[in-house]
Amino acid sequence: MKNIKPRVPEGGAIEDGPVITMEQYSEIMKKQLGKEYLRFAENVIRRVNPVVGSNVLEIGPGPGWAGINLVKRRKDLRLTGLDASADMIRVATSNVNKEGIQGIDYLVGVAEKMVDLKDGQFDLVISRDSLHHWEEPEKVFKEIKRVLKPDGKLYIHDSRRDMNAFGGLMVAVFSRFVPHNMGYFWKTSIAASYTPEEIAGILKKAGIADWQVDSDLMDLTIYKN
C-alpha cells in the first residue's frame, strides 16, 4: 500500500510580495508553463466540447493564461474569471488587453461564496491548478453546482499529492530550474493538493454524483460533459 503524506494546506490568495510582483509571476508562469496552458485549453475543448456561445466561469484564473488560451481557440466563448487576489486580477486584465482578447472579464471574490454570481448562470466552469488553494472545497463544489446550468459542463485540473516516485523525481529535478524560488512553491502546491480518492469523497459529501474524477501520472481532473 502506498504511503501518502498528509496534506499540508496552502490556502489564501497569491499577492504581490517583497520578493516577486504578480507581473513577474505572470511572466515566469507564461515562460515555464506556456505549453501547459495551451494543453489545458485543448483538453477543455476535446474532453467537454463547450456548447457554441457558452458563458464560462474560470475559478482562480491567476494571471489569466489558461482562460486566454481557451478563448483564443474558441472566440465564441465569453469568460468570467473569479479570483481572491486583486493583484492577480490586475495582471490578468492587463494580459487580456495586451493579447487583444475580447469576451473576458474578471471579478474579485472567493469561490466558497460566489455572492455576485446567479444560479444557473454558466454553461461551463473551468479551473486550472487552483483547487489546492480552496480552503473549503466542499463549499466550492456546492457553489459551482449552484451557478452551473443543470446541463452545464465542468473541467477542473490540479496536481495530485499521491503521484508516484517517478513523478516526484520529475518535480525534484525540474523545480531547480524555475526562477524566484517558484520551484519551492511548486512543491508546496503539490503537498497541498488532493488524491483522486479524497476528491471523490468530498464530492460525495457535497451530494454530487454526476461529476467524474480522472487522474494520470501527476495530475487529477474533475469533469462533467
Foldseek 3Di string as FASTA:
>chain_A
DDDFDAFDADADADAQDPLDHLLRVVVLCCVVCVVVLLVLLVCCCVPVNFDFQWEEEEEACQLPSNVVNNCVVRVRYAYEYEGQYPRSQVNNVVVCVVVVHPRYHYDHDALLPPPVAAFQQGQEYEYEACQLHHPQVLSNVLSCNRRHHPQHKYKYKHWALRADPVVVVVLVVVLVVRPSSVSVVVVSSSSSHHHLVVVVVSCVVSVHDQWDWDDDRTMIMIIHD
